[in-house]
Protein backbone atom coordinates (compact mmCIF):
# COMPACT_ATOMS: atom_id res chain seq x y z
CA MET A 1 4.87 -20.05 2.85
CA SER A 2 1.70 -21.20 4.56
CA LYS A 3 -1.79 -20.19 3.52
CA LYS A 4 -2.30 -18.74 7.00
CA SER A 5 0.81 -16.59 6.67
CA MET A 6 -0.25 -15.31 3.25
CA GLN A 7 -3.72 -14.52 4.57
CA ALA A 8 -2.20 -12.55 7.47
CA LYS A 9 -0.08 -10.54 5.03
CA VAL A 10 -3.06 -9.71 2.82
CA GLU A 11 -5.10 -8.72 5.88
CA PHE A 12 -2.22 -6.52 7.07
CA ILE A 13 -2.06 -4.73 3.71
CA LEU A 14 -5.83 -4.17 3.78
CA GLU A 15 -5.49 -2.80 7.32
CA MET A 16 -2.77 -0.40 6.14
CA ILE A 17 -5.01 0.80 3.30
CA ASP A 18 -7.86 1.34 5.76
CA ASN A 19 -5.50 3.20 8.10
CA ILE A 20 -4.37 5.48 5.29
CA ASP A 21 -8.02 6.12 4.37
CA GLU A 22 -8.72 7.03 8.02
CA ILE A 23 -5.73 9.40 8.14
CA ILE A 24 -6.96 11.10 4.97
CA CYS A 25 -10.47 11.37 6.42
CA ARG A 26 -9.16 12.90 9.67
CA HIS A 27 -7.24 15.50 7.68
CA HIS A 28 -10.24 16.23 5.42
CA GLY A 29 -8.67 15.12 2.17
CA ILE A 30 -5.52 13.91 0.47
CA VAL A 31 -4.01 17.35 -0.19
CA LYS A 32 -4.47 18.48 3.41
CA THR A 33 -3.03 15.20 4.63
CA LEU A 34 0.10 15.63 2.55
CA GLU A 35 0.45 19.27 3.62
CA ASP A 36 0.48 18.25 7.29
CA PHE A 37 3.83 16.83 8.43
CA GLU A 38 2.22 14.20 10.68
CA GLY A 39 -0.28 13.17 8.02
CA GLN A 40 2.43 13.03 5.40
CA MET A 41 4.74 10.93 7.58
CA ALA A 42 1.93 8.55 8.54
CA VAL A 43 0.85 8.02 4.93
CA LEU A 44 4.42 7.49 3.75
CA MET A 45 5.00 4.93 6.48
CA GLY A 46 1.77 3.12 5.56
CA LEU A 47 2.77 3.02 1.88
CA SER A 48 6.20 1.72 2.85
CA GLN A 49 4.61 -1.05 4.89
CA ILE A 50 2.33 -1.99 1.99
CA GLY A 51 5.29 -2.19 -0.40
CA GLU A 52 7.35 -4.26 2.00
CA THR A 53 4.53 -6.69 2.72
CA LEU A 54 3.40 -7.09 -0.89
CA LYS A 55 6.98 -8.05 -1.76
CA LYS A 56 6.68 -10.98 0.66
CA LEU A 57 3.59 -12.50 -0.97
CA ASP A 58 4.00 -15.95 -2.45
CA ASP A 59 4.67 -16.04 -6.21
CA VAL A 60 1.80 -18.49 -6.74
CA LEU A 61 -0.66 -16.12 -5.07
CA VAL A 62 0.75 -13.15 -6.98
CA LYS A 63 0.35 -14.96 -10.30
CA LYS A 64 -3.12 -16.31 -9.50
CA TYR A 65 -4.49 -12.86 -8.66
CA ASP A 66 -2.45 -10.87 -11.22
CA LEU A 67 -0.55 -8.90 -8.59
CA LYS A 68 2.94 -8.86 -10.14
CA ASP A 69 2.77 -5.26 -11.37
CA ASP A 70 1.19 -4.22 -8.07
CA ARG A 71 3.90 -5.95 -6.08
CA ASP A 72 6.70 -4.48 -8.20
CA GLY A 73 5.22 -0.98 -8.19
CA ALA A 74 4.53 -0.99 -4.47
CA TYR A 75 8.05 -2.17 -3.70
CA TYR A 76 9.50 0.48 -6.03
CA THR A 77 7.42 3.07 -4.18
CA ARG A 78 8.60 1.72 -0.83
CA ASN A 79 12.23 2.06 -1.92
CA TYR A 80 11.56 5.53 -3.31
CA ILE A 81 10.05 6.68 -0.01
CA VAL A 82 12.69 5.08 2.17
CA HIS A 83 15.76 6.01 0.12
CA ASP A 84 14.95 9.37 -1.50
CA TYR A 85 16.72 11.52 1.02
CA GLU A 86 16.19 14.73 -0.94
CA GLY A 87 12.44 14.53 -0.71
CA VAL A 88 9.55 12.58 -2.05
CA ASP A 89 7.43 14.00 -4.88
CA LEU A 90 4.10 14.48 -3.14
CA GLY A 91 2.29 14.68 -6.49
CA PHE A 92 3.43 11.11 -7.14
CA ILE A 93 2.16 10.06 -3.70
CA GLU A 94 -1.14 11.87 -4.26
CA ASN A 95 -1.68 9.92 -7.48
CA ILE A 96 -1.02 6.66 -5.65
CA LEU A 97 -3.53 7.57 -2.96
CA ARG A 98 -6.22 8.60 -5.46
CA SER A 99 -5.81 5.88 -8.06
CA TYR A 100 -3.64 2.99 -7.03
CA LEU A 101 -4.70 2.22 -3.45
CA PRO A 102 -8.43 1.89 -4.19
CA GLU A 103 -7.64 -0.46 -7.10
CA LEU A 104 -5.25 -2.51 -4.98
CA LYS A 105 -7.86 -2.84 -2.26
CA VAL A 106 -10.41 -4.20 -4.74
CA LYS A 107 -7.90 -6.77 -5.99
CA LEU A 108 -6.92 -7.88 -2.50
CA LEU A 109 -10.53 -8.25 -1.39
CA LYS A 110 -11.02 -10.79 -4.19
CA ILE A 111 -8.36 -13.10 -2.80
CA SER A 112 -9.80 -16.28 -1.36
CA PHE A 113 -7.97 -18.56 1.01
CA ASP A 114 -10.76 -21.14 1.06
CA ASP A 115 -9.27 -23.10 -1.86
């Protein structure tokens, strides 16, 4: 896959993280976001998009920036959201929003395509 394509995917993931942050801000916090059906649906869709896009990153890029666990976890979360028809554990999602997304953002911002 081309460097330009990989860069677009990383930028898309960063945009999704920023969108989720904006949704949380508009709802005045993570808990209130997840209590609101529109906020909850928007966040779950954003997380699904992140998982799907991370899965498409090139293995070389993933290895270089130590993203394998992130990619696997995000894709697991995507599948959990999309296929758990009985309901998603919002406590699990809250933990992702509080801990995982900020860490992922830091990692992605370190990626350089100038090599």
